[in-house]
Amino acid sequence: MPIDPDFMKKPVAGEHNGHKVRGDVKPPGKLGVHGTSVALDQDCCNGDGICISVCPVSVFDWVDSPGHPESQRKSDPVNEPDCIFCRACEAQCPTHAIRITEL
């Protein structure tokens, strides 16, 4: 299932690596949407790392997600402020887990 287009309407559940986390967060099975302008639904992320590979400014890095049913590691927008809004990650994500929004 792709990222919820209305994720910004969900309550902020906390912060992780300097960015907001929204939605239903109940680790290890529910990790929520990480980031704001570069939003990644870690529950949709399959952990293939294509976003890490295609990002020209290294917005994403790996984080461990032990016990998550989809993948034991996920991508995370740890350098969200560095995004140049090229949308390469959004276009290449096979699960449509990423949404880029210029705020």
PDB file of N, CA and C in Angstrom:
ATOM      1  N   MET A   1       0.851  -1.176   0.000  1.00  0.00           N
ATOM      2  CA  MET A   1       0.000   0.000   0.000  1.00  0.00           C
ATOM      3  C   MET A   1       0.900   1.243   0.000  1.00  0.00           C
ATOM      4  N   PRO A   2       0.624   2.237  -0.817  1.00  0.00           N
ATOM      5  CA  PRO A   2       1.449   3.452  -0.860  1.00  0.00           C
ATOM      6  C   PRO A   2       1.236   4.340   0.364  1.00  0.00           C
ATOM      7  N   ILE A   3       2.122   5.327   0.503  1.00  0.00           N
ATOM      8  CA  ILE A   3       2.034   6.276   1.601  1.00  0.00           C
ATOM      9  C   ILE A   3       0.675   6.987   1.568  1.00  0.00           C
ATOM     10  N   ASP A   4       0.106   7.201   2.725  1.00  0.00           N
ATOM     11  CA  ASP A   4      -1.178   7.896   2.844  1.00  0.00           C
ATOM     12  C   ASP A   4      -0.994   9.350   2.414  1.00  0.00           C
ATOM     13  N   PRO A   5      -1.710   9.825   1.389  1.00  0.00           N
ATOM     14  CA  PRO A   5      -1.545  11.203   0.942  1.00  0.00           C
ATOM     15  C   PRO A   5      -1.944  12.236   1.998  1.00  0.00           C
ATOM     16  N   ASP A   6      -2.701  11.820   2.991  1.00  0.00           N
ATOM     17  CA  ASP A   6      -3.129  12.722   4.063  1.00  0.00           C
ATOM     18  C   ASP A   6      -2.302  12.544   5.343  1.00  0.00           C
ATOM     19  N   PHE A   7      -1.087  12.023   5.212  1.00  0.00           N
ATOM     20  CA  PHE A   7      -0.291  11.738   6.402  1.00  0.00           C
ATOM     21  C   PHE A   7      -0.044  12.977   7.261  1.00  0.00           C
ATOM     22  N   MET A   8       0.002  14.170   6.642  1.00  0.00           N
ATOM     23  CA  MET A   8       0.265  15.394   7.409  1.00  0.00           C
ATOM     24  C   MET A   8      -0.871  15.719   8.385  1.00  0.00           C
ATOM     25  N   LYS A   9      -2.039  15.153   8.163  1.00  0.00           N
ATOM     26  CA  LYS A   9      -3.172  15.376   9.057  1.00  0.00           C
ATOM     27  C   LYS A   9      -3.111  14.480  10.290  1.00  0.00           C
ATOM     28  N   LYS A  10      -2.227  13.498  10.257  1.00  0.00           N
ATOM     29  CA  LYS A  10      -2.108  12.580  11.391  1.00  0.00           C
ATOM     30  C   LYS A  10      -1.297  13.242  12.502  1.00  0.00           C
ATOM     31  N   PRO A  11      -1.569  12.865  13.738  1.00  0.00           N
ATOM     32  CA  PRO A  11      -0.835  13.477  14.852  1.00  0.00           C
ATOM     33  C   PRO A  11       0.646  13.102  14.832  1.00  0.00           C
ATOM     34  N   VAL A  12       1.454  14.026  15.336  1.00  0.00           N
ATOM     35  CA  VAL A  12       2.881  13.749  15.479  1.00  0.00           C
ATOM     36  C   VAL A  12       3.048  12.816  16.673  1.00  0.00           C
ATOM     37  N   ALA A  13       3.651  11.668  16.412  1.00  0.00           N
ATOM     38  CA  ALA A  13       3.824  10.664  17.459  1.00  0.00           C
ATOM     39  C   ALA A  13       5.155  10.815  18.189  1.00  0.00           C
ATOM     40  N   GLY A  14       6.069  11.576  17.588  1.00  0.00           N
ATOM     41  CA  GLY A  14       7.380  11.757  18.201  1.00  0.00           C
ATOM     42  C   GLY A  14       8.389  12.241  17.178  1.00  0.00           C
ATOM     43  N   GLU A  15       9.663  12.113  17.527  1.00  0.00           N
ATOM     44  CA  GLU A  15      10.751  12.482  16.629  1.00  0.00           C
ATOM     45  C   GLU A  15      11.742  11.343  16.560  1.00  0.00           C
ATOM     46  N   HIS A  16      12.451  11.276  15.435  1.00  0.00           N
ATOM     47  CA  HIS A  16      13.456  10.244  15.216  1.00  0.00           C
ATOM     48  C   HIS A  16      14.524  10.818  14.300  1.00  0.00           C
ATOM     49  N   ASN A  17      15.756  10.768  14.694  1.00  0.00           N
ATOM     50  CA  ASN A  17      16.872  11.291  13.891  1.00  0.00           C
ATOM     51  C   ASN A  17      16.640  12.723  13.423  1.00  0.00           C
ATOM     52  N   GLY A  18      15.979  13.540  14.257  1.00  0.00           N
ATOM     53  CA  GLY A  18      15.787  14.944  13.941  1.00  0.00           C
ATOM     54  C   GLY A  18      14.592  15.278  13.077  1.00  0.00           C
ATOM     55  N   HIS A  19      13.752  14.310  12.769  1.00  0.00           N
ATOM     56  CA  HIS A  19      12.549  14.593  11.982  1.00  0.00           C
ATOM     57  C   HIS A  19      11.315  14.049  12.697  1.00  0.00           C
ATOM     58  N   LYS A  20      10.160  14.578  12.311  1.00  0.00           N
ATOM     59  CA  LYS A  20       8.896  14.172  12.929  1.00  0.00           C
ATOM     60  C   LYS A  20       8.461  12.796  12.427  1.00  0.00           C
ATOM     61  N   VAL A  21       7.744  12.106  13.296  1.00  0.00           N
ATOM     62  CA  VAL A  21       7.138  10.816  12.955  1.00  0.00           C
ATOM     63  C   VAL A  21       5.648  10.962  13.200  1.00  0.00           C
ATOM     64  N   ARG A  22       4.859  10.626  12.172  1.00  0.00           N
ATOM     65  CA  ARG A  22       3.400  10.769  12.259  1.00  0.00           C
ATOM     66  C   ARG A  22       2.712   9.422  12.109  1.00  0.00           C
ATOM     67  N   GLY A  23       1.514   9.371  12.665  1.00  0.00           N
ATOM     68  CA  GLY A  23       0.661   8.202  12.474  1.00  0.00           C
ATOM     69  C   GLY A  23       0.703   7.241  13.641  1.00  0.00           C
ATOM     70  N   ASP A  24       0.221   6.045  13.358  1.00  0.00           N
ATOM     71  CA  ASP A  24       0.113   4.981  14.346  1.00  0.00           C
ATOM     72  C   ASP A  24       1.492   4.346  14.522  1.00  0.00           C
ATOM     73  N   VAL A  25       2.116   4.583  15.659  1.00  0.00           N
ATOM     74  CA  VAL A  25       3.463   4.068  15.917  1.00  0.00           C
ATOM     75  C   VAL A  25       3.404   3.105  17.097  1.00  0.00           C
ATOM     76  N   LYS A  26       3.634   1.824  16.788  1.00  0.00           N
ATOM     77  CA  LYS A  26       3.668   0.774  17.805  1.00  0.00           C
ATOM     78  C   LYS A  26       4.726  -0.244  17.385  1.00  0.00           C
ATOM     79  N   PRO A  27       6.012   0.077  17.649  1.00  0.00           N
ATOM     80  CA  PRO A  27       7.082  -0.840  17.248  1.00  0.00           C
ATOM     81  C   PRO A  27       6.881  -2.215  17.873  1.00  0.00           C
ATOM     82  N   PRO A  28       7.313  -3.285  17.225  1.00  0.00           N
ATOM     83  CA  PRO A  28       8.070  -3.266  15.991  1.00  0.00           C
ATOM     84  C   PRO A  28       7.221  -3.283  14.720  1.00  0.00           C
ATOM     85  N   GLY A  29       5.919  -3.494  14.835  1.00  0.00           N
ATOM     86  CA  GLY A  29       5.083  -3.672  13.649  1.00  0.00           C
ATOM     87  C   GLY A  29       4.600  -2.404  12.984  1.00  0.00           C
ATOM     88  N   LYS A  30       4.502  -1.312  13.711  1.00  0.00           N
ATOM     89  CA  LYS A  30       4.018  -0.042  13.155  1.00  0.00           C
ATOM     90  C   LYS A  30       5.055   1.035  13.452  1.00  0.00           C
ATOM     91  N   LEU A  31       5.634   1.599  12.376  1.00  0.00           N
ATOM     92  CA  LEU A  31       6.711   2.573  12.538  1.00  0.00           C
ATOM     93  C   LEU A  31       6.332   3.979  12.097  1.00  0.00           C
ATOM     94  N   GLY A  32       5.216   4.146  11.398  1.00  0.00           N
ATOM     95  CA  GLY A  32       4.722   5.462  11.026  1.00  0.00           C
ATOM     96  C   GLY A  32       5.429   6.088   9.834  1.00  0.00           C
ATOM     97  N   VAL A  33       5.072   7.353   9.579  1.00  0.00           N
ATOM     98  CA  VAL A  33       5.635   8.127   8.474  1.00  0.00           C
ATOM     99  C   VAL A  33       6.709   9.037   9.040  1.00  0.00           C
ATOM    100  N   HIS A  34       7.916   8.882   8.533  1.00  0.00           N
ATOM    101  CA  HIS A  34       9.069   9.647   9.003  1.00  0.00           C
ATOM    102  C   HIS A  34       9.343  10.795   8.050  1.00  0.00           C
ATOM    103  N   GLY A  35       9.489  12.009   8.604  1.00  0.00           N
ATOM    104  CA  GLY A  35       9.806  13.179   7.808  1.00  0.00           C
ATOM    105  C   GLY A  35       8.579  13.998   7.457  1.00  0.00           C
ATOM    106  N   THR A  36       8.834  15.160   6.857  1.00  0.00           N
ATOM    107  CA  THR A  36       7.765  16.078   6.478  1.00  0.00           C
ATOM    108  C   THR A  36       7.861  16.411   4.998  1.00  0.00           C
ATOM    109  N   SER A  37       8.879  17.164   4.599  1.00  0.00           N
ATOM    110  CA  SER A  37       9.035  17.464   3.167  1.00  0.00           C
ATOM    111  C   SER A  37       9.539  16.240   2.409  1.00  0.00           C
ATOM    112  N   VAL A  38      10.318  15.406   3.077  1.00  0.00           N
ATOM    113  CA  VAL A  38      10.704  14.097   2.551  1.00  0.00           C
ATOM    114  C   VAL A  38      10.071  13.097   3.505  1.00  0.00           C
ATOM    115  N   ALA A  39       8.917  12.588   3.133  1.00  0.00           N
ATOM    116  CA  ALA A  39       8.172  11.686   4.009  1.00  0.00           C
ATOM    117  C   ALA A  39       8.304  10.259   3.513  1.00  0.00           C
ATOM    118  N   LEU A  40       8.639   9.361   4.427  1.00  0.00           N
ATOM    119  CA  LEU A  40       8.796   7.958   4.087  1.00  0.00           C
ATOM    120  C   LEU A  40       7.969   7.121   5.055  1.00  0.00           C
ATOM    121  N   ASP A  41       7.027   6.378   4.514  1.00  0.00           N
ATOM    122  CA  ASP A  41       6.192   5.505   5.333  1.00  0.00           C
ATOM    123  C   ASP A  41       6.981   4.228   5.583  1.00  0.00           C
ATOM    124  N   GLN A  42       7.515   4.112   6.787  1.00  0.00           N
ATOM    125  CA  GLN A  42       8.354   2.956   7.075  1.00  0.00           C
ATOM    126  C   GLN A  42       7.568   1.656   7.137  1.00  0.00           C
ATOM    127  N   ASP A  43       6.259   1.742   7.219  1.00  0.00           N
ATOM    128  CA  ASP A  43       5.464   0.524   7.187  1.00  0.00           C
ATOM    129  C   ASP A  43       5.263   0.027   5.751  1.00  0.00           C
ATOM    130  N   CYS A  44       5.404   0.908   4.776  1.00  0.00           N
ATOM    131  CA  CYS A  44       5.330   0.522   3.362  1.00  0.00           C
ATOM    132  C   CYS A  44       6.705   0.160   2.800  1.00  0.00           C
ATOM    133  N   CYS A  45       7.752   0.705   3.393  1.00  0.00           N
ATOM    134  CA  CYS A  45       9.118   0.524   2.897  1.00  0.00           C
ATOM    135  C   CYS A  45       9.502  -0.957   2.919  1.00  0.00           C
ATOM    136  N   ASN A  46      10.009  -1.441   1.786  1.00  0.00           N
ATOM    137  CA  ASN A  46      10.430  -2.844   1.721  1.00  0.00           C
ATOM    138  C   ASN A  46      11.921  -3.018   2.008  1.00  0.00           C
ATOM    139  N   GLY A  47      12.620  -1.912   2.254  1.00  0.00           N
ATOM    140  CA  GLY A  47      14.021  -1.989   2.628  1.00  0.00           C
ATOM    141  C   GLY A  47      14.972  -2.322   1.494  1.00  0.00           C
ATOM    142  N   ASP A  48      14.564  -2.049   0.250  1.00  0.00           N
ATOM    143  CA  ASP A  48      15.449  -2.386  -0.878  1.00  0.00           C
ATOM    144  C   ASP A  48      16.577  -1.369  -1.063  1.00  0.00           C
ATOM    145  N   GLY A  49      16.439  -0.162  -0.506  1.00  0.00           N
ATOM    146  CA  GLY A  49      17.500   0.831  -0.543  1.00  0.00           C
ATOM    147  C   GLY A  49      17.638   1.607  -1.833  1.00  0.00           C
ATOM    148  N   ILE A  50      16.680   1.479  -2.749  1.00  0.00           N
ATOM    149  CA  ILE A  50      16.782   2.210  -4.010  1.00  0.00           C
ATOM    150  C   ILE A  50      16.819   3.718  -3.765  1.00  0.00           C
ATOM    151  N   CYS A  51      16.090   4.199  -2.779  1.00  0.00           N
ATOM    152  CA  CYS A  51      16.096   5.644  -2.479  1.00  0.00           C
ATOM    153  C   CYS A  51      17.479   6.100  -2.035  1.00  0.00           C
ATOM    154  N   ILE A  52      18.168   5.272  -1.293  1.00  0.00           N
ATOM    155  CA  ILE A  52      19.529   5.592  -0.863  1.00  0.00           C
ATOM    156  C   ILE A  52      20.442   5.670  -2.075  1.00  0.00           C
ATOM    157  N   SER A  53      20.272   4.745  -3.005  1.00  0.00           N
ATOM    158  CA  SER A  53      21.125   4.681  -4.200  1.00  0.00           C
ATOM    159  C   SER A  53      20.905   5.846  -5.155  1.00  0.00           C
ATOM    160  N   VAL A  54      19.655   6.267  -5.339  1.00  0.00           N
ATOM    161  CA  VAL A  54      19.369   7.282  -6.361  1.00  0.00           C
ATOM    162  C   VAL A  54      19.447   8.720  -5.856  1.00  0.00           C
ATOM    163  N   CYS A  55      19.470   8.934  -4.558  1.00  0.00           N
ATOM    164  CA  CYS A  55      19.475  10.306  -4.028  1.00  0.00           C
ATOM    165  C   CYS A  55      20.838  10.963  -4.250  1.00  0.00           C
ATOM    166  N   PRO A  56      20.874  12.071  -4.998  1.00  0.00           N
ATOM    167  CA  PRO A  56      22.160  12.713  -5.289  1.00  0.00           C
ATOM    168  C   PRO A  56      22.761  13.483  -4.116  1.00  0.00           C
ATOM    169  N   VAL A  57      21.982  13.710  -3.060  1.00  0.00           N
ATOM    170  CA  VAL A  57      22.485  14.484  -1.921  1.00  0.00           C
ATOM    171  C   VAL A  57      22.443  13.701  -0.602  1.00  0.00           C
ATOM    172  N   SER A  58      22.266  12.394  -0.679  1.00  0.00           N
ATOM    173  CA  SER A  58      22.327  11.502   0.494  1.00  0.00           C
ATOM    174  C   SER A  58      21.361  11.879   1.612  1.00  0.00           C
ATOM    175  N   VAL A  59      20.100  12.086   1.236  1.00  0.00           N
ATOM    176  CA  VAL A  59      19.070  12.384   2.235  1.00  0.00           C
ATOM    177  C   VAL A  59      18.811  11.170   3.125  1.00  0.00           C
ATOM    178  N   PHE A  60      18.880   9.969   2.552  1.00  0.00           N
ATOM    179  CA  PHE A  60      18.489   8.749   3.267  1.00  0.00           C
ATOM    180  C   PHE A  60      19.688   7.975   3.800  1.00  0.00           C
ATOM    181  N   ASP A  61      19.438   7.246   4.891  1.00  0.00           N
ATOM    182  CA  ASP A  61      20.416   6.306   5.420  1.00  0.00           C
ATOM    183  C   ASP A  61      19.646   5.136   6.029  1.00  0.00           C
ATOM    184  N   TRP A  62      20.356   4.073   6.324  1.00  0.00           N
ATOM    185  CA  TRP A  62      19.736   2.891   6.905  1.00  0.00           C
ATOM    186  C   TRP A  62      19.486   3.061   8.396  1.00  0.00           C
ATOM    187  N   VAL A  63      18.372   2.521   8.860  1.00  0.00           N
ATOM    188  CA  VAL A  63      18.102   2.358  10.286  1.00  0.00           C
ATOM    189  C   VAL A  63      17.607   0.939  10.493  1.00  0.00           C
ATOM    190  N   ASP A  64      17.931   0.384  11.630  1.00  0.00           N
ATOM    191  CA  ASP A  64      17.466  -0.965  11.949  1.00  0.00           C
ATOM    192  C   ASP A  64      16.011  -0.924  12.379  1.00  0.00           C
ATOM    193  N   SER A  65      15.273  -1.942  11.980  1.00  0.00           N
ATOM    194  CA  SER A  65      13.869  -2.070  12.372  1.00  0.00           C
ATOM    195  C   SER A  65      13.595  -3.516  12.763  1.00  0.00           C
ATOM    196  N   PRO A  66      14.276  -3.985  13.815  1.00  0.00           N
ATOM    197  CA  PRO A  66      14.129  -5.386  14.200  1.00  0.00           C
ATOM    198  C   PRO A  66      12.685  -5.736  14.546  1.00  0.00           C
ATOM    199  N   GLY A  67      12.239  -6.845  14.014  1.00  0.00           N
ATOM    200  CA  GLY A  67      10.893  -7.324  14.289  1.00  0.00           C
ATOM    201  C   GLY A  67       9.817  -6.804  13.367  1.00  0.00           C
ATOM    202  N   HIS A  68      10.144  -5.863  12.468  1.00  0.00           N
ATOM    203  CA  HIS A  68       9.125  -5.364  11.541  1.00  0.00           C
ATOM    204  C   HIS A  68       8.834  -6.460  10.521  1.00  0.00           C
ATOM    205  N   PRO A  69       7.550  -6.719  10.222  1.00  0.00           N
ATOM    206  CA  PRO A  69       7.203  -7.825   9.325  1.00  0.00           C
ATOM    207  C   PRO A  69       7.660  -7.633   7.877  1.00  0.00           C
ATOM    208  N   GLU A  70       7.877  -6.408   7.429  1.00  0.00           N
ATOM    209  CA  GLU A  70       8.256  -6.158   6.037  1.00  0.00           C
ATOM    210  C   GLU A  70       9.761  -6.241   5.814  1.00  0.00           C
ATOM    211  N   SER A  71      10.542  -5.683   6.736  1.00  0.00           N
ATOM    212  CA  SER A  71      11.988  -5.612   6.557  1.00  0.00           C
ATOM    213  C   SER A  71      12.668  -5.326   7.888  1.00  0.00           C
ATOM    214  N   GLN A  72      13.829  -5.921   8.105  1.00  0.00           N
ATOM    215  CA  GLN A  72      14.569  -5.732   9.351  1.00  0.00           C
ATOM    216  C   GLN A  72      15.401  -4.452   9.364  1.00  0.00           C
ATOM    217  N   ARG A  73      15.468  -3.776   8.227  1.00  0.00           N
ATOM    218  CA  ARG A  73      16.094  -2.454   8.164  1.00  0.00           C
ATOM    219  C   ARG A  73      15.312  -1.617   7.163  1.00  0.00           C
ATOM    220  N   LYS A  74      15.315  -0.325   7.411  1.00  0.00           N
ATOM    221  CA  LYS A  74      14.528   0.606   6.609  1.00  0.00           C
ATOM    222  C   LYS A  74      15.391   1.791   6.220  1.00  0.00           C
ATOM    223  N   SER A  75      14.951   2.483   5.204  1.00  0.00           N
ATOM    224  CA  SER A  75      15.545   3.758   4.857  1.00  0.00           C
ATOM    225  C   SER A  75      14.916   4.817   5.754  1.00  0.00           C
ATOM    226  N   ASP A  76      15.668   5.878   6.031  1.00  0.00           N
ATOM    227  CA  ASP A  76      15.173   6.938   6.899  1.00  0.00           C
ATOM    228  C   ASP A  76      15.700   8.276   6.377  1.00  0.00           C
ATOM    229  N   PRO A  77      14.855   9.304   6.280  1.00  0.00           N
ATOM    230  CA  PRO A  77      15.299  10.600   5.754  1.00  0.00           C
ATOM    231  C   PRO A  77      16.093  11.400   6.788  1.00  0.00           C
ATOM    232  N   VAL A  78      17.255  10.895   7.154  1.00  0.00           N
ATOM    233  CA  VAL A  78      18.051  11.488   8.229  1.00  0.00           C
ATOM    234  C   VAL A  78      18.613  12.861   7.857  1.00  0.00           C
ATOM    235  N   ASN A  79      18.763  13.134   6.579  1.00  0.00           N
ATOM    236  CA  ASN A  79      19.270  14.434   6.119  1.00  0.00           C
ATOM    237  C   ASN A  79      18.200  15.169   5.323  1.00  0.00           C
ATOM    238  N   GLU A  80      16.977  15.148   5.819  1.00  0.00           N
ATOM    239  CA  GLU A  80      15.834  15.749   5.135  1.00  0.00           C
ATOM    240  C   GLU A  80      16.076  17.191   4.676  1.00  0.00           C
ATOM    241  N   PRO A  81      16.718  18.057   5.476  1.00  0.00           N
ATOM    242  CA  PRO A  81      16.927  19.444   5.022  1.00  0.00           C
ATOM    243  C   PRO A  81      17.808  19.571   3.781  1.00  0.00           C
ATOM    244  N   ASP A  82      18.565  18.532   3.448  1.00  0.00           N
ATOM    245  CA  ASP A  82      19.455  18.577   2.278  1.00  0.00           C
ATOM    246  C   ASP A  82      18.736  18.284   0.960  1.00  0.00           C
ATOM    247  N   CYS A  83      17.479  17.887   1.023  1.00  0.00           N
ATOM    248  CA  CYS A  83      16.735  17.499  -0.184  1.00  0.00           C
ATOM    249  C   CYS A  83      16.691  18.644  -1.203  1.00  0.00           C
ATOM    250  N   ILE A  84      16.935  18.309  -2.477  1.00  0.00           N
ATOM    251  CA  ILE A  84      16.866  19.298  -3.570  1.00  0.00           C
ATOM    252  C   ILE A  84      15.591  19.114  -4.395  1.00  0.00           C
ATOM    253  N   PHE A  85      14.689  18.258  -3.931  1.00  0.00           N
ATOM    254  CA  PHE A  85      13.369  18.045  -4.535  1.00  0.00           C
ATOM    255  C   PHE A  85      13.443  17.549  -5.985  1.00  0.00           C
ATOM    256  N   CYS A  86      14.416  16.713  -6.261  1.00  0.00           N
ATOM    257  CA  CYS A  86      14.526  16.135  -7.604  1.00  0.00           C
ATOM    258  C   CYS A  86      13.512  15.013  -7.807  1.00  0.00           C
ATOM    259  N   ARG A  87      13.028  14.441  -6.709  1.00  0.00           N
ATOM    260  CA  ARG A  87      12.013  13.389  -6.698  1.00  0.00           C
ATOM    261  C   ARG A  87      12.483  12.049  -7.270  1.00  0.00           C
ATOM    262  N   ALA A  88      13.786  11.861  -7.399  1.00  0.00           N
ATOM    263  CA  ALA A  88      14.302  10.583  -7.901  1.00  0.00           C
ATOM    264  C   ALA A  88      13.878   9.437  -6.983  1.00  0.00           C
ATOM    265  N   CYS A  89      13.937   9.648  -5.686  1.00  0.00           N
ATOM    266  CA  CYS A  89      13.553   8.597  -4.733  1.00  0.00           C
ATOM    267  C   CYS A  89      12.074   8.251  -4.862  1.00  0.00           C
ATOM    268  N   GLU A  90      11.254   9.272  -4.960  1.00  0.00           N
ATOM    269  CA  GLU A  90       9.807   9.084  -5.075  1.00  0.00           C
ATOM    270  C   GLU A  90       9.457   8.299  -6.342  1.00  0.00           C
ATOM    271  N   ALA A  91      10.128   8.629  -7.440  1.00  0.00           N
ATOM    272  CA  ALA A  91       9.856   7.966  -8.725  1.00  0.00           C
ATOM    273  C   ALA A  91      10.324   6.508  -8.732  1.00  0.00           C
ATOM    274  N   GLN A  92      11.402   6.219  -8.019  1.00  0.00           N
ATOM    275  CA  GLN A  92      11.991   4.873  -8.072  1.00  0.00           C
ATOM    276  C   GLN A  92      11.469   3.912  -7.001  1.00  0.00           C
ATOM    277  N   CYS A  93      10.830   4.421  -5.975  1.00  0.00           N
ATOM    278  CA  CYS A  93      10.373   3.554  -4.876  1.00  0.00           C
ATOM    279  C   CYS A  93       9.313   2.573  -5.382  1.00  0.00           C
ATOM    280  N   PRO A  94       9.602   1.265  -5.330  1.00  0.00           N
ATOM    281  CA  PRO A  94       8.656   0.292  -5.874  1.00  0.00           C
ATOM    282  C   PRO A  94       7.369   0.147  -5.060  1.00  0.00           C
ATOM    283  N   THR A  95       7.398   0.559  -3.789  1.00  0.00           N
ATOM    284  CA  THR A  95       6.201   0.429  -2.954  1.00  0.00           C
ATOM    285  C   THR A  95       5.482   1.764  -2.765  1.00  0.00           C
ATOM    286  N   HIS A  96       5.996   2.827  -3.407  1.00  0.00           N
ATOM    287  CA  HIS A  96       5.395   4.168  -3.310  1.00  0.00           C
ATOM    288  C   HIS A  96       5.306   4.630  -1.858  1.00  0.00           C
ATOM    289  N   ALA A  97       6.378   4.364  -1.115  1.00  0.00           N
ATOM    290  CA  ALA A  97       6.432   4.698   0.307  1.00  0.00           C
ATOM    291  C   ALA A  97       6.915   6.122   0.562  1.00  0.00           C
ATOM    292  N   ILE A  98       7.312   6.851  -0.498  1.00  0.00           N
ATOM    293  CA  ILE A  98       7.911   8.181  -0.337  1.00  0.00           C
ATOM    294  C   ILE A  98       7.035   9.247  -0.978  1.00  0.00           C
ATOM    295  N   ARG A  99       6.908  10.371  -0.279  1.00  0.00           N
ATOM    296  CA  ARG A  99       6.211  11.532  -0.823  1.00  0.00           C
ATOM    297  C   ARG A  99       7.091  12.756  -0.580  1.00  0.00           C
ATOM    298  N   ILE A 100       7.414  13.465  -1.676  1.00  0.00           N
ATOM    299  CA  ILE A 100       8.222  14.678  -1.595  1.00  0.00           C
ATOM    300  C   ILE A 100       7.291  15.876  -1.743  1.00  0.00           C
ATOM    301  N   THR A 101       7.405  16.824  -0.817  1.00  0.00           N
ATOM    302  CA  THR A 101       6.565  18.018  -0.825  1.00  0.00           C
ATOM    303  C   THR A 101       7.421  19.233  -0.514  1.00  0.00           C
ATOM    304  N   GLU A 102       7.457  20.186  -1.425  1.00  0.00           N
ATOM    305  CA  GLU A 102       8.181  21.423  -1.153  1.00  0.00           C
ATOM    306  C   GLU A 102       7.302  22.281  -0.255  1.00  0.00           C
ATOM    307  N   LEU A 103       7.742  22.466   0.978  1.00  0.00           N
ATOM    308  CA  LEU A 103       6.956  23.229   1.957  1.00  0.00           C
ATOM    309  C   LEU A 103       7.375  24.678   1.983  1.00  0.00           C
TER     310      LEU A 103
END
